[in-house]
Amino acid sequence: MFAFGLPENPRRTGRRLWLLGVPTTLAWAVAGWSGALGLLDTFRLMSLNRVGAWGADAGPAVSLVLFFSLSVTAASSLGFAMLWSGGVSLGRMGAGFRASSLAASLGIALGSGVAIPSWTRPEAVGQRLPFLDGTPEPWSDVDWVVYYEPYLVPAVAGLVALVMVVVLLRAFLTTAEADDRAQALTQRGRLVTGQVTHVEFTNVWVMGNPRFTVHVRFPAETGERTVVTTMVTPVMQSPARGTKVRVRYDPQDPGAVLVEPDPDDHAIRYPPFL
């Protein structure tokens, strides 16, 4: 069963995601590199009790922090652009969110991976430097985790990126299959006129447009059938009880039903929640 809403072009959406994905990944890579060396490296040295953490080598970190702030701002803006480039449907917005998450995790993995050789080595490994005339203390398990942070950050980000690749691939295959079924119904499905019998607002807004759950009744070979689907429409063209819609269905597959707005219906209707 297929939902219908505002028009969208999946190929154009995919092209926009690819075009935005490259600069977004690069921006997050810069953020990962500058954040690792400008922020995490300093905190790591402080945690491991390096005496010179606030010495002469603290100067360049200030400029790296500024560079990190600018790169994160640019990367976040591009990520939001990827989110909204997915279209107005919840499925397309979900694809945009997953694609932007992949770009962020992949960029951070690449940037922090490049920064691995530039992390500052602690003055003492395995023990904390003594304070004044005190005795050195051995590192705890947490200290050892912090010590291997230069490798853990890109490893975790890379793992997240791998998971997002699998999720995106699965979503792509599911969407492609649904698009193929919808296209097959558009070309070979039987076209009838259906009528909306029930409308329920889902309390969800997609880019300023309300999303509804609708019950549609239409004639079939075995008698009248009713399907439940969703639709996203402009506010002033919200579905109402009695609204005519176009229904395409496959008599051999009862679950394959495509519901579309009637192109000849130009009536202005107020949404039920007003």
Protein backbone atom coordinates (compact mmCIF):
# COMPACT_ATOMS: atom_id res chain seq x y z
CA MET A 1 0.00 0.00 0.00
CA PHE A 2 1.34 3.41 -0.88
CA ALA A 3 0.98 6.82 0.67
CA PHE A 4 0.69 9.92 -1.40
CA GLY A 5 1.52 13.56 -0.80
CA LEU A 6 3.10 16.53 -2.50
CA PRO A 7 4.97 15.89 -5.74
CA GLU A 8 8.66 15.00 -5.53
CA ASN A 9 11.38 13.66 -7.82
CA PRO A 10 13.44 10.86 -6.25
CA ARG A 11 16.24 11.14 -8.81
CA ARG A 12 16.57 14.87 -8.28
CA THR A 13 16.52 14.33 -4.52
CA GLY A 14 19.28 11.73 -4.75
CA ARG A 15 21.37 14.04 -6.93
CA ARG A 16 21.04 16.87 -4.42
CA LEU A 17 22.05 14.56 -1.58
CA TRP A 18 25.17 13.50 -3.46
CA LEU A 19 26.11 17.08 -4.34
CA LEU A 20 25.66 18.23 -0.75
CA GLY A 21 27.20 15.10 0.74
CA VAL A 22 30.71 15.75 -0.57
CA PRO A 23 31.20 19.26 0.92
CA THR A 24 29.39 18.16 4.11
CA THR A 25 31.80 15.25 4.57
CA LEU A 26 34.80 17.51 3.92
CA ALA A 27 33.52 20.10 6.40
CA TRP A 28 33.08 17.43 9.08
CA ALA A 29 36.54 16.10 8.27
CA VAL A 30 38.01 19.52 8.98
CA ALA A 31 35.94 19.68 12.17
CA GLY A 32 37.20 16.24 13.21
CA TRP A 33 40.82 17.18 12.58
CA SER A 34 40.71 20.57 14.30
CA GLY A 35 38.54 19.29 17.15
CA ALA A 36 40.89 16.39 17.84
CA LEU A 37 44.00 18.56 17.96
CA GLY A 38 42.47 21.74 19.32
CA LEU A 39 40.16 20.35 22.00
CA LEU A 40 40.51 16.65 22.68
CA ASP A 41 44.31 16.70 22.68
CA THR A 42 44.39 19.41 25.35
CA PHE A 43 41.82 17.69 27.55
CA ARG A 44 43.69 14.41 27.14
CA LEU A 45 46.94 15.94 28.33
CA MET A 46 45.22 17.54 31.30
CA SER A 47 43.58 14.22 32.20
CA LEU A 48 46.90 12.38 32.01
CA ASN A 49 48.59 15.06 34.14
CA ARG A 50 51.06 16.38 31.60
CA VAL A 51 52.97 19.26 33.20
CA GLY A 52 53.39 21.22 29.97
CA ALA A 53 49.73 21.08 28.96
CA TRP A 54 49.31 24.77 29.74
CA GLY A 55 52.79 25.73 28.59
CA ALA A 56 54.16 26.96 25.28
CA ASP A 57 52.27 24.33 23.27
CA ALA A 58 48.87 25.69 24.42
CA GLY A 59 49.01 28.64 22.02
CA PRO A 60 48.20 26.95 18.69
CA ALA A 61 45.19 25.19 20.25
CA VAL A 62 43.37 28.52 20.48
CA SER A 63 43.43 29.03 16.72
CA LEU A 64 42.42 25.40 16.19
CA VAL A 65 39.40 25.88 18.45
CA LEU A 66 38.32 28.87 16.35
CA PHE A 67 38.88 26.83 13.20
CA PHE A 68 36.83 24.01 14.76
CA SER A 69 33.96 26.38 15.56
CA LEU A 70 33.82 27.70 12.00
CA SER A 71 34.02 24.25 10.43
CA VAL A 72 31.29 22.85 12.71
CA THR A 73 29.03 25.78 11.80
CA ALA A 74 29.56 25.18 8.08
CA ALA A 75 29.17 21.40 8.41
CA SER A 76 25.96 21.74 10.45
CA SER A 77 24.46 24.14 7.90
CA LEU A 78 25.24 21.73 5.08
CA GLY A 79 23.80 18.88 7.13
CA PHE A 80 20.50 20.76 7.57
CA ALA A 81 20.48 21.42 3.82
CA MET A 82 20.83 17.67 3.23
CA LEU A 83 17.95 17.01 5.61
CA TRP A 84 15.54 19.35 3.82
CA SER A 85 16.72 18.37 0.33
CA GLY A 86 15.07 14.98 0.84
CA GLY A 87 11.63 16.38 0.01
CA VAL A 88 8.46 16.88 2.00
CA SER A 89 7.57 13.26 2.68
CA LEU A 90 8.64 11.63 5.91
CA GLY A 91 10.42 8.89 3.99
CA ARG A 92 12.51 11.37 1.99
CA MET A 93 13.28 13.43 5.09
CA GLY A 94 14.40 10.25 6.83
CA ALA A 95 16.73 9.52 3.93
CA GLY A 96 18.14 13.05 4.19
CA PHE A 97 18.72 12.61 7.93
CA ARG A 98 20.49 9.28 7.42
CA ALA A 99 22.62 10.71 4.61
CA SER A 100 23.65 13.74 6.69
CA SER A 101 24.49 11.44 9.63
CA LEU A 102 26.65 9.32 7.34
CA ALA A 103 28.45 12.42 6.07
CA ALA A 104 29.10 13.60 9.65
CA SER A 105 30.39 10.27 10.97
CA LEU A 106 32.49 9.59 7.87
CA GLY A 107 33.97 13.09 7.91
CA ILE A 108 34.85 12.89 11.61
CA ALA A 109 36.43 9.46 11.08
CA LEU A 110 38.57 10.77 8.23
CA GLY A 111 39.57 14.02 9.95
CA SER A 112 40.41 12.46 13.31
CA GLY A 113 42.21 9.62 11.54
CA VAL A 114 44.48 12.08 9.73
CA ALA A 115 45.17 13.78 13.08
CA ILE A 116 46.44 10.59 14.78
CA PRO A 117 50.19 11.26 14.24
CA SER A 118 49.85 14.87 15.50
CA TRP A 119 48.48 14.09 18.99
CA THR A 120 50.90 15.20 21.72
CA ARG A 121 52.59 12.32 23.53
CA PRO A 122 52.23 12.43 27.34
CA GLU A 123 55.45 12.98 29.29
CA ALA A 124 54.88 9.77 31.23
CA VAL A 125 53.06 6.64 30.05
CA GLY A 126 51.50 4.32 32.60
CA GLN A 127 51.72 6.66 35.57
CA ARG A 128 50.73 10.15 36.59
CA LEU A 129 53.51 12.67 37.07
CA PRO A 130 54.15 13.36 40.76
CA PHE A 131 52.83 16.60 42.19
CA LEU A 132 55.63 18.52 43.95
CA ASP A 133 57.49 15.94 46.06
CA GLY A 134 54.75 13.31 45.90
CA THR A 135 55.07 9.86 44.37
CA PRO A 136 53.80 8.96 40.91
CA GLU A 137 50.48 7.11 40.73
CA PRO A 138 49.70 4.37 38.20
CA TRP A 139 47.09 5.05 35.55
CA SER A 140 43.56 3.80 36.07
CA ASP A 141 41.54 1.98 33.41
CA VAL A 142 39.95 5.29 32.45
CA ASP A 143 43.39 6.83 31.94
CA TRP A 144 44.32 4.04 29.54
CA VAL A 145 41.09 4.62 27.58
CA VAL A 146 41.97 8.32 27.37
CA TYR A 147 45.52 7.42 26.30
CA TYR A 148 44.19 5.48 23.29
CA GLU A 149 41.68 8.21 22.45
CA PRO A 150 43.49 9.19 19.20
CA TYR A 151 42.59 5.74 17.85
CA LEU A 152 39.21 5.33 19.55
CA VAL A 153 37.68 8.52 18.12
CA PRO A 154 38.16 7.60 14.43
CA ALA A 155 37.34 3.95 15.16
CA VAL A 156 34.00 4.78 16.79
CA ALA A 157 33.13 7.34 14.10
CA GLY A 158 34.07 4.82 11.40
CA LEU A 159 31.87 2.17 13.01
CA VAL A 160 28.94 4.60 13.08
CA ALA A 161 29.59 5.40 9.42
CA LEU A 162 29.57 1.70 8.56
CA VAL A 163 26.25 1.22 10.36
CA MET A 164 24.80 4.23 8.52
CA VAL A 165 25.96 2.77 5.19
CA VAL A 166 24.07 -0.45 5.94
CA VAL A 167 20.97 1.50 7.05
CA LEU A 168 21.08 3.72 3.96
CA LEU A 169 21.54 0.75 1.64
CA ARG A 170 18.59 -1.03 3.20
CA ALA A 171 16.44 2.10 3.02
CA PHE A 172 17.49 2.66 -0.60
CA LEU A 173 16.53 -0.87 -1.59
CA THR A 174 13.19 -0.57 0.22
CA THR A 175 12.45 2.80 -1.40
CA ALA A 176 13.52 1.56 -4.84
CA GLU A 177 11.25 -1.46 -4.49
CA ALA A 178 8.33 0.74 -3.44
CA ASP A 179 9.00 3.13 -6.32
CA ASP A 180 9.11 0.23 -8.77
CA ARG A 181 5.77 -1.09 -7.49
CA ALA A 182 4.27 2.39 -7.67
CA GLN A 183 5.56 2.86 -11.23
CA ALA A 184 4.23 -0.53 -12.24
CA LEU A 185 0.82 0.37 -10.81
CA THR A 186 0.92 3.72 -12.61
CA GLN A 187 1.56 1.99 -15.92
CA ARG A 188 -0.45 -1.22 -15.60
CA GLY A 189 -2.71 -0.82 -12.57
CA ARG A 190 -6.45 -0.40 -12.94
CA LEU A 191 -7.54 3.19 -12.44
CA VAL A 192 -10.75 3.97 -10.58
CA THR A 193 -12.17 6.92 -8.69
CA GLY A 194 -12.21 6.57 -4.93
CA GLN A 195 -13.77 8.59 -2.16
CA VAL A 196 -12.33 9.64 1.18
CA THR A 197 -14.58 8.33 3.95
CA HIS A 198 -12.58 9.32 7.01
CA VAL A 199 -9.82 11.85 7.74
CA GLU A 200 -7.66 12.06 10.83
CA PHE A 201 -4.94 14.65 11.46
CA THR A 202 -1.74 12.92 12.67
CA ASN A 203 -0.42 16.00 14.50
CA VAL A 204 2.61 15.83 12.22
CA TRP A 205 3.74 18.70 10.00
CA VAL A 206 6.09 18.14 7.08
CA MET A 207 7.72 21.40 5.97
CA GLY A 208 4.63 23.36 6.99
CA ASN A 209 2.14 20.94 5.45
CA PRO A 210 -0.18 18.77 7.56
CA ARG A 211 -0.07 14.99 7.35
CA PHE A 212 -3.35 13.06 7.46
CA THR A 213 -4.43 9.47 7.78
CA VAL A 214 -7.28 8.85 5.33
CA HIS A 215 -9.65 5.97 4.64
CA VAL A 216 -10.43 5.64 0.92
CA ARG A 217 -13.26 3.56 -0.51
CA PHE A 218 -13.12 2.46 -4.15
CA PRO A 219 -14.85 -0.09 -6.43
CA ALA A 220 -13.06 -3.33 -7.33
CA GLU A 221 -13.90 -6.64 -9.05
CA THR A 222 -14.88 -8.25 -5.78
CA GLY A 223 -16.91 -5.27 -4.60
CA GLU A 224 -16.07 -2.09 -2.76
CA ARG A 225 -12.79 -2.00 -0.89
CA THR A 226 -11.40 0.40 1.71
CA VAL A 227 -7.73 1.20 2.20
CA VAL A 228 -5.98 3.27 4.85
CA THR A 229 -3.09 5.47 3.76
CA THR A 230 -1.50 8.85 4.49
CA MET A 231 -1.29 12.10 2.60
CA VAL A 232 0.59 15.37 3.00
CA THR A 233 -1.15 18.36 1.43
CA PRO A 234 -1.15 22.15 1.59
CA VAL A 235 -3.27 23.47 4.42
CA MET A 236 -5.99 24.91 2.17
CA GLN A 237 -6.28 21.69 0.16
CA SER A 238 -6.62 19.29 3.06
CA PRO A 239 -8.64 16.14 2.41
CA ALA A 240 -12.19 16.00 3.71
CA ARG A 241 -14.91 13.41 3.88
CA GLY A 242 -16.27 12.92 0.39
CA THR A 243 -13.12 14.12 -1.41
CA LYS A 244 -12.56 12.36 -4.73
CA VAL A 245 -9.17 10.70 -5.31
CA ARG A 246 -7.61 8.50 -7.96
CA VAL A 247 -6.91 4.88 -7.00
CA ARG A 248 -4.74 2.45 -8.94
CA TYR A 249 -4.72 -1.16 -7.80
CA ASP A 250 -3.55 -4.59 -8.89
CA PRO A 251 -6.36 -7.19 -8.87
CA GLN A 252 -3.77 -9.95 -8.40
CA ASP A 253 -2.14 -8.27 -5.40
CA PRO A 254 -4.64 -6.88 -2.87
CA GLY A 255 -1.90 -5.03 -0.96
CA ALA A 256 -0.70 -3.08 -4.00
CA VAL A 257 -2.78 0.09 -4.00
CA LEU A 258 -1.68 3.56 -5.05
CA VAL A 259 -3.80 6.53 -3.98
CA GLU A 260 -3.27 9.90 -5.66
CA PRO A 261 -5.01 13.29 -5.49
CA ASP A 262 -7.53 14.02 -8.19
CA PRO A 263 -5.80 16.50 -10.57
CA ASP A 264 -9.19 18.00 -11.47
CA ASP A 265 -10.01 18.79 -7.85
CA HIS A 266 -9.16 22.48 -7.29
CA ALA A 267 -11.56 23.11 -4.43
CA ILE A 268 -10.32 25.02 -1.41
CA ARG A 269 -10.90 23.11 1.82
CA TYR A 270 -10.04 24.04 5.35
CA PRO A 271 -8.26 21.43 7.49
CA PRO A 272 -10.39 19.70 10.13
CA PHE A 273 -8.29 21.08 13.01
CA LEU A 274 -9.14 24.74 12.23
